[in-house]
Amino acid sequence: MAKAAYDHLGNRIDSGVVVTKYDHSRGPIGNLAIYEAGHPVPDQNSFRATQAAIDAVTGLTERDTVLFLLSGGGSALFEKPLIPEEDLNRLTRELLACGADIVQMNTVRKRFSAVKGGRFAALCKPAKVFTIVLSDVLGDRLDMIASGPAYPDASTAEDALRIVRSCHLTMTEQMEALLRQETPKELDNVTTHITGSVRQLCIAAQAECRRLGYEPVVLTDRLSCTARDAGVFLGNIAQYYQNCGKPMAFLAGGETVVHLTGTGLGGRNQELALAAAEGIAGINACVFSVGSDGTDGPTDAAGGYTDGTTRDILKAKGILISDVLQRNDAYHALEACGGLIITGATGTNVNDLSVLLIGS
């Protein structure tokens, strides 16, 4: 996004800050300062990069314009916490472990941030802010994408408290007090435009499936269940359509969640693909699921692939899928059967794409 903006605007940009994930930078971009930082848990580099952005917008006038390019992943990459780092990191881990969806996570996280929930746009005043967004939130809720640094917050303190109670999140006295403070509900200096989302990803994938000779069906662009349930569901579809007599493609975009029951290695896309393996065993079908940014969980894989032979290949190696899922260790199981999808960084983040292909 930053490269495209710089290629178009060139020396009209006085200065800028770019924050991306580790190993996702693609080299220098004009006079922009590029930072790599932690994700999904923010770190000191996240904080340094965010402070650089705050410094860049400090002292602006009504004649200035801030071009704010926002993508999925911003909740971790763009952060100036109002609580100690160890408390923030514990909160992030607890939210991930309890299976909170992105809206629940960001409703809580923005309460403990100096830039989330519209607060960054407030820091830019009196300058105008023009925001361009790549959405990774189902339904494209602008107050939730990257926790809404430049958009009025529609969630309330009561919403955040409800999530904290239901997920049994650990709160310090300081965090309890911040939870009760409201975020900006109106911002008069911001214009926002969504330029990409998981819906466009599904449409593009649908066209490619059709080009390859499949009859494509987009099931949803709002997949939001557990990864295991999504995998089982795609397996069930394969069983129903296995004898339909023509190549079929079923696509689902969105973001599943994983409930951690073990200490293995993996990500939601790998777990989804592996969970589908039982249902498609012996069928001329495959399931693959990938994160659009090229990374899935804390791994080097974008996601996973399984087909009608996967279950038996793993069984011959003494690996039971049910045991692997219980340990949340999909990475090593997929590695054992050649089912890891490794793409490297793609430069974008608009949720995940899961695909079931059925042969004729």
Protein backbone atom coordinates (compact mmCIF):
# COMPACT_ATOMS: atom_id res chain seq x y z
CA MET A 1 0.00 0.00 0.00
CA ALA A 2 2.79 2.40 0.90
CA LYS A 3 4.70 1.65 -2.31
CA ALA A 4 1.61 2.27 -4.44
CA ALA A 5 0.93 5.56 -2.66
CA TYR A 6 4.52 6.72 -3.05
CA ASP A 7 4.66 5.72 -6.72
CA HIS A 8 1.56 7.84 -7.32
CA LEU A 9 2.25 10.85 -5.09
CA GLY A 10 6.06 10.98 -5.07
CA ASN A 11 7.49 14.21 -3.67
CA ARG A 12 4.02 15.41 -2.64
CA ILE A 13 4.63 13.23 0.43
CA ASP A 14 6.69 15.24 2.94
CA SER A 15 7.40 12.28 5.20
CA GLY A 16 5.91 8.98 6.29
CA VAL A 17 6.10 5.91 8.49
CA VAL A 18 5.43 2.33 7.37
CA VAL A 19 4.91 -0.50 9.87
CA THR A 20 4.78 -4.11 8.71
CA LYS A 21 5.45 -7.60 10.06
CA TYR A 22 8.92 -9.04 10.43
CA ASP A 23 10.39 -10.15 7.08
CA HIS A 24 7.56 -8.44 5.17
CA SER A 25 9.44 -5.31 4.12
CA ARG A 26 10.27 -5.18 0.42
CA GLY A 27 13.05 -2.60 0.51
CA PRO A 28 13.18 1.21 0.73
CA ILE A 29 10.32 3.42 -0.41
CA GLY A 30 11.50 6.97 -1.11
CA ASN A 31 11.75 9.04 2.05
CA LEU A 32 9.45 6.82 4.11
CA ALA A 33 10.77 5.30 7.34
CA ILE A 34 10.07 1.55 7.37
CA TYR A 35 9.68 -0.45 10.59
CA GLU A 36 9.15 -4.17 11.10
CA ALA A 37 7.33 -5.19 14.27
CA GLY A 38 5.59 -7.96 16.21
CA HIS A 39 2.38 -9.72 15.22
CA PRO A 40 -0.03 -10.99 16.57
CA VAL A 41 1.52 -9.82 19.86
CA PRO A 42 2.90 -6.24 19.72
CA ASP A 43 6.48 -5.63 20.83
CA GLN A 44 8.92 -2.77 21.43
CA ASN A 45 9.32 -2.24 17.68
CA SER A 46 5.53 -1.82 17.40
CA PHE A 47 5.70 0.84 20.07
CA ARG A 48 8.72 2.62 18.50
CA ALA A 49 7.11 2.69 15.07
CA THR A 50 3.83 4.00 16.45
CA GLN A 51 5.61 6.73 18.40
CA ALA A 52 7.36 7.74 15.15
CA ALA A 53 3.93 8.06 13.50
CA ILE A 54 2.62 10.11 16.42
CA ASP A 55 5.68 12.39 16.21
CA ALA A 56 5.07 12.82 12.47
CA VAL A 57 1.52 14.13 12.98
CA THR A 58 2.29 16.28 16.01
CA GLY A 59 2.00 20.01 15.34
CA LEU A 60 0.15 19.73 12.03
CA THR A 61 -2.21 22.50 10.87
CA GLU A 62 -5.54 22.57 9.08
CA ARG A 63 -3.59 22.94 5.81
CA ASP A 64 -1.99 19.49 6.25
CA THR A 65 -3.38 16.12 5.13
CA VAL A 66 -2.52 12.77 6.70
CA LEU A 67 -2.79 9.81 4.30
CA PHE A 68 -3.44 6.84 6.55
CA LEU A 69 -3.11 3.41 4.89
CA LEU A 70 -4.61 0.70 7.03
CA SER A 71 -4.61 -3.07 6.70
CA GLY A 72 -5.27 -6.18 8.73
CA GLY A 73 -2.64 -6.75 11.39
CA GLY A 74 -2.68 -3.13 12.49
CA SER A 75 -3.94 -3.92 15.98
CA ALA A 76 -0.55 -5.42 16.85
CA LEU A 77 1.69 -3.37 14.57
CA PHE A 78 0.24 0.06 15.39
CA GLU A 79 0.17 0.40 19.15
CA LYS A 80 1.02 2.78 21.97
CA PRO A 81 -0.21 1.00 25.10
CA LEU A 82 -1.69 2.73 28.13
CA ILE A 83 -0.73 -0.29 30.25
CA PRO A 84 2.60 -2.09 30.87
CA GLU A 85 3.82 -4.24 27.97
CA GLU A 86 3.60 -7.44 30.01
CA ASP A 87 -0.10 -6.77 30.76
CA LEU A 88 -0.83 -6.07 27.09
CA ASN A 89 0.96 -9.21 25.93
CA ARG A 90 -0.85 -11.34 28.51
CA LEU A 91 -4.17 -9.88 27.39
CA THR A 92 -3.41 -10.63 23.72
CA ARG A 93 -2.44 -14.21 24.51
CA GLU A 94 -5.56 -14.75 26.63
CA LEU A 95 -7.80 -13.38 23.87
CA LEU A 96 -6.17 -15.66 21.30
CA ALA A 97 -6.36 -18.70 23.59
CA CYS A 98 -10.04 -18.27 24.45
CA GLY A 99 -11.04 -18.17 20.78
CA ALA A 100 -12.27 -14.56 20.76
CA ASP A 101 -13.18 -13.34 17.26
CA ILE A 102 -11.61 -10.22 15.77
CA VAL A 103 -14.45 -7.90 16.83
CA GLN A 104 -14.31 -9.14 20.43
CA MET A 105 -10.52 -8.83 20.50
CA ASN A 106 -10.48 -5.31 19.13
CA THR A 107 -13.37 -4.12 21.32
CA VAL A 108 -11.21 -4.95 24.33
CA ARG A 109 -7.76 -4.01 23.00
CA LYS A 110 -8.70 -0.49 21.94
CA ARG A 111 -9.53 0.37 25.56
CA PHE A 112 -5.84 0.10 26.51
CA SER A 113 -4.37 2.06 23.59
CA ALA A 114 -3.45 5.69 22.94
CA VAL A 115 -4.04 5.30 19.18
CA LYS A 116 -6.90 2.81 18.75
CA GLY A 117 -10.63 3.54 18.83
CA GLY A 118 -10.35 6.84 16.90
CA ARG A 119 -7.62 8.25 19.13
CA PHE A 120 -4.99 8.50 16.38
CA ALA A 121 -7.28 10.69 14.25
CA ALA A 122 -7.82 12.89 17.29
CA LEU A 123 -4.03 13.25 17.62
CA CYS A 124 -3.86 14.43 13.98
CA LYS A 125 -6.20 17.39 14.54
CA PRO A 126 -6.58 19.99 13.12
CA ALA A 127 -5.15 18.21 10.04
CA LYS A 128 -7.49 16.24 7.78
CA VAL A 129 -7.07 12.45 7.69
CA PHE A 130 -7.77 10.48 4.49
CA THR A 131 -7.86 6.76 5.30
CA ILE A 132 -7.59 3.95 2.74
CA VAL A 133 -8.44 0.54 4.15
CA LEU A 134 -7.82 -3.08 3.24
CA SER A 135 -10.44 -4.80 5.38
CA ASP A 136 -9.76 -8.00 7.33
CA VAL A 137 -12.91 -7.74 9.45
CA LEU A 138 -16.12 -9.54 8.50
CA GLY A 139 -18.72 -7.02 7.39
CA ASP A 140 -15.99 -4.36 6.96
CA ARG A 141 -16.63 -2.66 10.30
CA LEU A 142 -14.39 0.39 10.08
CA ASP A 143 -14.24 0.85 13.84
CA MET A 144 -12.80 -2.67 14.17
CA ILE A 145 -10.27 -2.92 11.32
CA ALA A 146 -6.88 -2.59 13.12
CA SER A 147 -9.04 -1.51 16.09
CA GLY A 148 -10.16 1.65 14.28
CA PRO A 149 -7.34 4.18 14.90
CA ALA A 150 -9.03 6.78 12.69
CA TYR A 151 -12.73 5.99 12.95
CA PRO A 152 -15.38 6.73 15.59
CA ASP A 153 -15.80 3.77 17.91
CA ALA A 154 -19.24 2.15 17.85
CA SER A 155 -18.44 -0.24 20.70
CA THR A 156 -18.95 0.80 24.31
CA ALA A 157 -17.26 0.31 27.62
CA GLU A 158 -20.11 -2.01 28.59
CA ASP A 159 -19.43 -4.13 25.48
CA ALA A 160 -15.79 -4.47 26.51
CA LEU A 161 -16.68 -5.38 30.09
CA ARG A 162 -19.07 -8.06 28.87
CA ILE A 163 -16.32 -9.67 26.76
CA VAL A 164 -13.83 -9.51 29.62
CA ARG A 165 -16.27 -11.37 31.87
CA SER A 166 -17.29 -13.99 29.30
CA CYS A 167 -13.67 -14.76 28.35
CA HIS A 168 -12.46 -14.62 31.98
CA LEU A 169 -9.67 -12.21 31.09
CA THR A 170 -7.17 -11.13 33.74
CA MET A 171 -7.57 -7.46 34.63
CA THR A 172 -5.37 -5.28 36.81
CA GLU A 173 -6.80 -2.33 38.74
CA GLN A 174 -5.41 0.03 36.09
CA MET A 175 -7.00 -2.01 33.30
CA GLU A 176 -10.36 -2.06 35.08
CA ALA A 177 -10.29 1.75 35.23
CA LEU A 178 -9.37 2.10 31.53
CA LEU A 179 -12.15 -0.29 30.54
CA ARG A 180 -14.68 2.21 31.85
CA GLN A 181 -13.32 5.15 29.83
CA GLU A 182 -15.18 5.81 26.59
CA THR A 183 -13.46 6.15 23.22
CA PRO A 184 -14.20 8.95 20.67
CA LYS A 185 -17.70 8.62 19.22
CA GLU A 186 -17.41 11.47 16.69
CA LEU A 187 -14.53 12.58 14.43
CA ASP A 188 -14.98 15.50 12.03
CA ASN A 189 -11.53 15.38 10.37
CA VAL A 190 -11.63 11.92 8.74
CA THR A 191 -12.62 10.59 5.30
CA THR A 192 -12.45 6.80 4.83
CA HIS A 193 -12.45 4.55 1.75
CA ILE A 194 -12.33 0.73 1.67
CA THR A 195 -10.26 -0.44 -1.30
CA GLY A 196 -10.17 -4.20 -0.71
CA SER A 197 -11.79 -6.92 1.37
CA VAL A 198 -12.32 -10.66 1.65
CA ARG A 199 -15.36 -10.36 -0.62
CA GLN A 200 -13.12 -9.24 -3.47
CA LEU A 201 -10.76 -12.11 -2.64
CA CYS A 202 -13.65 -14.58 -2.96
CA ILE A 203 -14.77 -13.05 -6.27
CA ALA A 204 -11.23 -13.30 -7.68
CA ALA A 205 -10.87 -16.91 -6.50
CA GLN A 206 -14.27 -17.75 -7.97
CA ALA A 207 -13.17 -16.44 -11.37
CA GLU A 208 -9.93 -18.43 -11.21
CA CYS A 209 -11.77 -21.65 -10.33
CA ARG A 210 -14.10 -21.12 -13.27
CA ARG A 211 -11.09 -20.54 -15.56
CA LEU A 212 -9.63 -23.86 -14.39
CA GLY A 213 -12.79 -25.74 -15.33
CA TYR A 214 -14.60 -25.92 -11.97
CA GLU A 215 -18.15 -24.80 -11.33
CA PRO A 216 -17.58 -22.43 -8.39
CA VAL A 217 -19.92 -21.73 -5.50
CA VAL A 218 -19.09 -19.00 -2.97
CA LEU A 219 -20.58 -20.26 0.28
CA THR A 220 -19.87 -17.11 2.29
CA ASP A 221 -17.46 -14.24 2.78
CA ARG A 222 -18.23 -14.19 6.52
CA LEU A 223 -16.99 -17.55 7.76
CA SER A 224 -16.73 -17.16 11.53
CA CYS A 225 -16.80 -20.47 13.38
CA THR A 226 -14.06 -22.68 14.79
CA ALA A 227 -11.48 -23.91 12.29
CA ARG A 228 -12.33 -27.51 13.10
CA ASP A 229 -16.04 -27.03 12.47
CA ALA A 230 -15.33 -25.30 9.16
CA GLY A 231 -13.09 -28.18 8.07
CA VAL A 232 -15.69 -30.79 9.03
CA PHE A 233 -18.37 -28.83 7.17
CA LEU A 234 -16.32 -28.74 3.95
CA GLY A 235 -15.78 -32.49 4.33
CA ASN A 236 -19.53 -32.97 4.63
CA ILE A 237 -20.08 -31.00 1.43
CA ALA A 238 -17.54 -33.20 -0.36
CA GLN A 239 -19.43 -36.32 0.71
CA TYR A 240 -22.69 -34.95 -0.66
CA TYR A 241 -21.30 -33.80 -4.02
CA GLN A 242 -18.69 -36.51 -4.65
CA ASN A 243 -20.76 -38.18 -7.39
CA CYS A 244 -22.23 -35.07 -9.02
CA GLY A 245 -20.41 -35.79 -12.30
CA LYS A 246 -18.68 -32.43 -12.78
CA PRO A 247 -15.76 -30.57 -11.18
CA MET A 248 -17.03 -28.36 -8.34
CA ALA A 249 -15.36 -25.67 -6.24
CA PHE A 250 -16.79 -24.43 -2.94
CA LEU A 251 -15.22 -21.27 -1.52
CA ALA A 252 -15.50 -19.61 1.88
CA GLY A 253 -13.83 -16.38 2.98
CA GLY A 254 -13.60 -15.09 6.51
CA GLU A 255 -11.75 -15.79 9.71
CA THR A 256 -12.16 -18.86 11.88
CA VAL A 257 -10.95 -19.23 15.46
CA VAL A 258 -9.01 -21.91 17.31
CA HIS A 259 -9.64 -22.95 20.90
CA LEU A 260 -6.25 -23.92 22.29
CA THR A 261 -6.33 -27.33 23.97
CA GLY A 262 -2.66 -28.19 23.41
CA THR A 263 0.76 -26.66 22.96
CA GLY A 264 1.54 -27.72 19.38
CA LEU A 265 2.38 -25.57 16.37
CA GLY A 266 -0.07 -24.42 13.74
CA GLY A 267 -2.64 -21.84 12.72
CA ARG A 268 -6.34 -21.66 12.00
CA ASN A 269 -5.95 -22.42 8.28
CA GLN A 270 -3.75 -25.45 8.90
CA GLU A 271 -6.19 -26.73 11.51
CA LEU A 272 -9.14 -26.23 9.14
CA ALA A 273 -7.47 -28.17 6.31
CA LEU A 274 -6.47 -31.01 8.63
CA ALA A 275 -9.95 -31.18 10.17
CA ALA A 276 -11.37 -31.71 6.67
CA ALA A 277 -9.11 -34.73 5.98
CA GLU A 278 -11.35 -37.28 7.68
CA GLY A 279 -14.41 -36.17 5.71
CA ILE A 280 -12.72 -36.25 2.30
CA ALA A 281 -10.83 -39.53 2.90
CA GLY A 282 -11.16 -41.76 -0.17
CA ILE A 283 -12.91 -39.03 -2.18
CA ASN A 284 -11.51 -37.35 -5.30
CA ALA A 285 -11.36 -34.01 -3.51
CA CYS A 286 -9.02 -31.65 -1.72
CA VAL A 287 -9.32 -28.82 0.78
CA PHE A 288 -6.88 -25.96 1.16
CA SER A 289 -7.06 -22.93 3.39
CA VAL A 290 -4.70 -19.95 3.46
CA GLY A 291 -4.17 -16.61 5.12
CA SER A 292 -4.12 -13.88 2.47
CA ASP A 293 -1.00 -12.31 4.00
CA GLY A 294 1.01 -15.49 3.51
CA THR A 295 1.29 -16.40 7.19
CA ASP A 296 -0.91 -18.58 9.37
CA GLY A 297 -0.41 -18.40 13.12
CA PRO A 298 3.18 -18.29 14.43
CA THR A 299 4.49 -20.35 11.47
CA ASP A 300 6.19 -19.90 8.10
CA ALA A 301 3.20 -21.45 6.32
CA ALA A 302 0.33 -19.58 4.71
CA GLY A 303 -1.97 -22.51 5.43
CA GLY A 304 -2.55 -26.17 4.69
CA TYR A 305 -3.69 -28.67 2.06
CA THR A 306 -5.30 -32.10 2.47
CA ASP A 307 -6.90 -34.50 0.00
CA GLY A 308 -8.51 -37.93 -0.18
CA THR A 309 -5.21 -39.65 0.65
CA THR A 310 -4.08 -37.52 3.61
CA ARG A 311 -5.75 -39.49 6.41
CA ASP A 312 -4.25 -42.82 5.32
CA ILE A 313 -0.78 -41.32 4.72
CA LEU A 314 -0.76 -39.94 8.25
CA LYS A 315 -2.18 -43.16 9.70
CA ALA A 316 0.64 -45.15 8.08
CA LYS A 317 3.07 -42.85 9.87
CA GLY A 318 1.33 -43.49 13.21
CA ILE A 319 -0.30 -40.04 13.25
CA LEU A 320 -3.97 -39.80 14.21
CA ILE A 321 -5.73 -36.62 13.11
CA SER A 322 -7.90 -36.48 16.23
CA ASP A 323 -4.80 -36.55 18.46
CA VAL A 324 -3.09 -33.86 16.38
CA LEU A 325 -6.10 -31.54 16.58
CA GLN A 326 -6.30 -32.06 20.35
CA ARG A 327 -2.67 -30.90 20.60
CA ASN A 328 -3.20 -28.04 18.11
CA ASP A 329 -0.21 -29.42 16.20
CA ALA A 330 -1.46 -29.25 12.61
CA TYR A 331 1.84 -27.83 11.32
CA HIS A 332 3.89 -30.94 12.05
CA ALA A 333 1.18 -33.32 10.77
CA LEU A 334 0.86 -31.40 7.49
CA GLU A 335 4.63 -31.22 7.22
CA ALA A 336 4.75 -35.02 7.52
CA CYS A 337 2.43 -35.48 4.52
CA GLY A 338 3.56 -32.58 2.32
CA GLY A 339 0.49 -30.52 3.12
CA LEU A 340 2.03 -27.20 4.15
CA ILE A 341 1.38 -24.26 1.81
CA ILE A 342 4.29 -21.82 1.94
CA THR A 343 4.00 -18.67 -0.16
CA GLY A 344 6.03 -16.07 1.68
CA ALA A 345 4.71 -12.59 2.38
CA THR A 346 2.04 -11.44 -0.10
CA GLY A 347 1.92 -7.77 0.89
CA THR A 348 -1.77 -7.71 1.77
CA ASN A 349 -4.16 -8.96 4.46
CA VAL A 350 -7.88 -9.43 3.78
CA ASN A 351 -8.73 -12.47 5.94
CA ASP A 352 -8.53 -16.10 4.91
CA LEU A 353 -9.73 -18.17 1.97
CA SER A 354 -10.80 -21.81 2.26
CA VAL A 355 -11.52 -23.90 -0.84
CA LEU A 356 -12.96 -27.38 -1.45
CA LEU A 357 -12.29 -28.82 -4.91
CA ILE A 358 -14.16 -31.92 -6.09
CA GLY A 359 -13.11 -33.77 -9.25
CA SER A 360 -15.51 -35.21 -11.82
